[in-house]
Amino acid sequence: MAEQPAREFFAEVELLLNEALGEPRGSLALHGLLEGFAGLRVYVPSTTELWRRWRNRRIREGFHGDNHEPLALEWGLTVRQVRNILDEEG
């Protein structure tokens, strides 16, 4: 990766992390990752997989025993999908 594209890439990653985690946590997270993993080959899951894991965790956290349907509506899923997520190991 050439220096300028790398700089642009990491600037974009930092913006996305700050949006997701809040500033300055996103910047701190990026710098921690770079310091901890510099020079290593690291597997990074697809954004789809990360989103699914995040969504499923939020669904589990939001479950209160009888709110399958509201969760399904909130996340654009079927009640069956919500039940399957709740049955999975988190």
C-alpha atoms as a PDB file:
ATOM      1  CA  MET A   1       0.000   0.000   0.000  1.00  0.00           C
ATOM      2  CA  ALA A   2       1.527   3.309  -1.055  1.00  0.00           C
ATOM      3  CA  GLU A   3       1.918   5.984   1.599  1.00  0.00           C
ATOM      4  CA  GLN A   4      -0.841   8.377   0.425  1.00  0.00           C
ATOM      5  CA  PRO A   5      -3.540   5.722  -0.152  1.00  0.00           C
ATOM      6  CA  ALA A   6      -2.611   4.145   3.195  1.00  0.00           C
ATOM      7  CA  ARG A   7      -2.998   7.508   4.919  1.00  0.00           C
ATOM      8  CA  GLU A   8      -6.393   8.024   3.273  1.00  0.00           C
ATOM      9  CA  PHE A   9      -7.472   4.494   4.172  1.00  0.00           C
ATOM     10  CA  PHE A  10      -6.563   4.879   7.842  1.00  0.00           C
ATOM     11  CA  ALA A  11      -8.155   8.336   7.985  1.00  0.00           C
ATOM     12  CA  GLU A  12     -11.388   6.790   6.699  1.00  0.00           C
ATOM     13  CA  VAL A  13     -11.151   3.904   9.184  1.00  0.00           C
ATOM     14  CA  GLU A  14     -10.613   6.416  11.980  1.00  0.00           C
ATOM     15  CA  LEU A  15     -13.709   8.382  10.922  1.00  0.00           C
ATOM     16  CA  LEU A  16     -15.808   5.210  10.847  1.00  0.00           C
ATOM     17  CA  LEU A  17     -14.544   4.130  14.276  1.00  0.00           C
ATOM     18  CA  ASN A  18     -15.249   7.562  15.721  1.00  0.00           C
ATOM     19  CA  GLU A  19     -18.789   7.407  14.315  1.00  0.00           C
ATOM     20  CA  ALA A  20     -19.316   3.934  15.754  1.00  0.00           C
ATOM     21  CA  LEU A  21     -17.576   4.353  19.103  1.00  0.00           C
ATOM     22  CA  GLY A  22     -17.588   8.091  19.646  1.00  0.00           C
ATOM     23  CA  GLU A  23     -14.625  10.387  19.652  1.00  0.00           C
ATOM     24  CA  PRO A  24     -11.934   9.884  20.950  1.00  0.00           C
ATOM     25  CA  ARG A  25     -12.625   6.171  21.508  1.00  0.00           C
ATOM     26  CA  GLY A  26     -12.521   5.441  17.781  1.00  0.00           C
ATOM     27  CA  SER A  27      -9.137   7.118  17.389  1.00  0.00           C
ATOM     28  CA  LEU A  28      -7.791   5.369  20.468  1.00  0.00           C
ATOM     29  CA  ALA A  29      -9.080   2.014  19.184  1.00  0.00           C
ATOM     30  CA  LEU A  30      -7.400   2.493  15.801  1.00  0.00           C
ATOM     31  CA  HIS A  31      -4.090   3.492  17.340  1.00  0.00           C
ATOM     32  CA  GLY A  32      -4.264   0.536  19.735  1.00  0.00           C
ATOM     33  CA  LEU A  33      -4.911  -1.832  16.828  1.00  0.00           C
ATOM     34  CA  LEU A  34      -2.038  -0.402  14.836  1.00  0.00           C
ATOM     35  CA  GLU A  35       0.361  -0.638  17.773  1.00  0.00           C
ATOM     36  CA  GLY A  36      -0.771  -4.126  18.758  1.00  0.00           C
ATOM     37  CA  PHE A  37      -0.957  -5.709  15.324  1.00  0.00           C
ATOM     38  CA  ALA A  38       1.546  -3.780  13.204  1.00  0.00           C
ATOM     39  CA  GLY A  39       3.368  -6.141  10.870  1.00  0.00           C
ATOM     40  CA  LEU A  40       1.071  -9.108  11.512  1.00  0.00           C
ATOM     41  CA  ARG A  41      -1.448 -10.743   9.218  1.00  0.00           C
ATOM     42  CA  VAL A  42      -4.800 -10.439  10.888  1.00  0.00           C
ATOM     43  CA  TYR A  43      -8.151 -11.872   9.794  1.00  0.00           C
ATOM     44  CA  VAL A  44     -10.813  -9.169   9.685  1.00  0.00           C
ATOM     45  CA  PRO A  45     -14.370 -10.448   9.333  1.00  0.00           C
ATOM     46  CA  SER A  46     -16.585  -8.915   6.687  1.00  0.00           C
ATOM     47  CA  THR A  47     -18.693  -5.946   7.665  1.00  0.00           C
ATOM     48  CA  THR A  48     -21.744  -8.132   7.101  1.00  0.00           C
ATOM     49  CA  GLU A  49     -20.534 -10.599   9.719  1.00  0.00           C
ATOM     50  CA  LEU A  50     -19.617  -7.829  12.159  1.00  0.00           C
ATOM     51  CA  TRP A  51     -23.025  -6.213  11.665  1.00  0.00           C
ATOM     52  CA  ARG A  52     -24.813  -9.527  12.226  1.00  0.00           C
ATOM     53  CA  ARG A  53     -22.908 -10.192  15.441  1.00  0.00           C
ATOM     54  CA  TRP A  54     -23.555  -6.656  16.708  1.00  0.00           C
ATOM     55  CA  ARG A  55     -27.248  -6.830  15.798  1.00  0.00           C
ATOM     56  CA  ASN A  56     -27.689 -10.232  17.434  1.00  0.00           C
ATOM     57  CA  ARG A  57     -25.995  -9.037  20.633  1.00  0.00           C
ATOM     58  CA  ARG A  58     -28.271  -5.982  20.723  1.00  0.00           C
ATOM     59  CA  ILE A  59     -31.330  -8.209  20.219  1.00  0.00           C
ATOM     60  CA  ARG A  60     -30.255 -10.449  23.123  1.00  0.00           C
ATOM     61  CA  GLU A  61     -29.650  -7.399  25.321  1.00  0.00           C
ATOM     62  CA  GLY A  62     -33.057  -5.972  24.401  1.00  0.00           C
ATOM     63  CA  PHE A  63     -35.000  -9.158  25.061  1.00  0.00           C
ATOM     64  CA  HIS A  64     -37.242  -9.031  28.139  1.00  0.00           C
ATOM     65  CA  GLY A  65     -39.044 -12.355  27.981  1.00  0.00           C
ATOM     66  CA  ASP A  66     -42.029 -11.502  25.822  1.00  0.00           C
ATOM     67  CA  ASN A  67     -40.986  -8.862  23.290  1.00  0.00           C
ATOM     68  CA  HIS A  68     -40.169 -11.055  20.280  1.00  0.00           C
ATOM     69  CA  GLU A  69     -42.484  -9.167  17.933  1.00  0.00           C
ATOM     70  CA  PRO A  70     -41.302  -5.629  18.814  1.00  0.00           C
ATOM     71  CA  LEU A  71     -37.695  -6.749  18.362  1.00  0.00           C
ATOM     72  CA  ALA A  72     -38.535  -8.301  15.005  1.00  0.00           C
ATOM     73  CA  LEU A  73     -40.158  -5.063  13.855  1.00  0.00           C
ATOM     74  CA  GLU A  74     -37.308  -2.926  15.175  1.00  0.00           C
ATOM     75  CA  TRP A  75     -34.642  -4.944  13.345  1.00  0.00           C
ATOM     76  CA  GLY A  76     -36.608  -5.845  10.202  1.00  0.00           C
ATOM     77  CA  LEU A  77     -36.669  -9.562  10.998  1.00  0.00           C
ATOM     78  CA  THR A  78     -39.329 -12.191  11.433  1.00  0.00           C
ATOM     79  CA  VAL A  79     -40.324 -13.380  14.889  1.00  0.00           C
ATOM     80  CA  ARG A  80     -38.838 -16.779  13.966  1.00  0.00           C
ATOM     81  CA  GLN A  81     -35.487 -15.147  13.171  1.00  0.00           C
ATOM     82  CA  VAL A  82     -35.519 -13.332  16.506  1.00  0.00           C
ATOM     83  CA  ARG A  83     -36.283 -16.595  18.312  1.00  0.00           C
ATOM     84  CA  ASN A  84     -33.404 -18.309  16.475  1.00  0.00           C
ATOM     85  CA  ILE A  85     -31.026 -15.507  17.476  1.00  0.00           C
ATOM     86  CA  LEU A  86     -32.134 -15.775  21.097  1.00  0.00           C
ATOM     87  CA  ASP A  87     -31.588 -19.548  20.991  1.00  0.00           C
ATOM     88  CA  GLU A  88     -27.996 -19.138  19.739  1.00  0.00           C
ATOM     89  CA  GLU A  89     -25.075 -18.985  22.104  1.00  0.00           C
ATOM     90  CA  GLY A  90     -23.999 -15.351  22.379  1.00  0.00           C
END
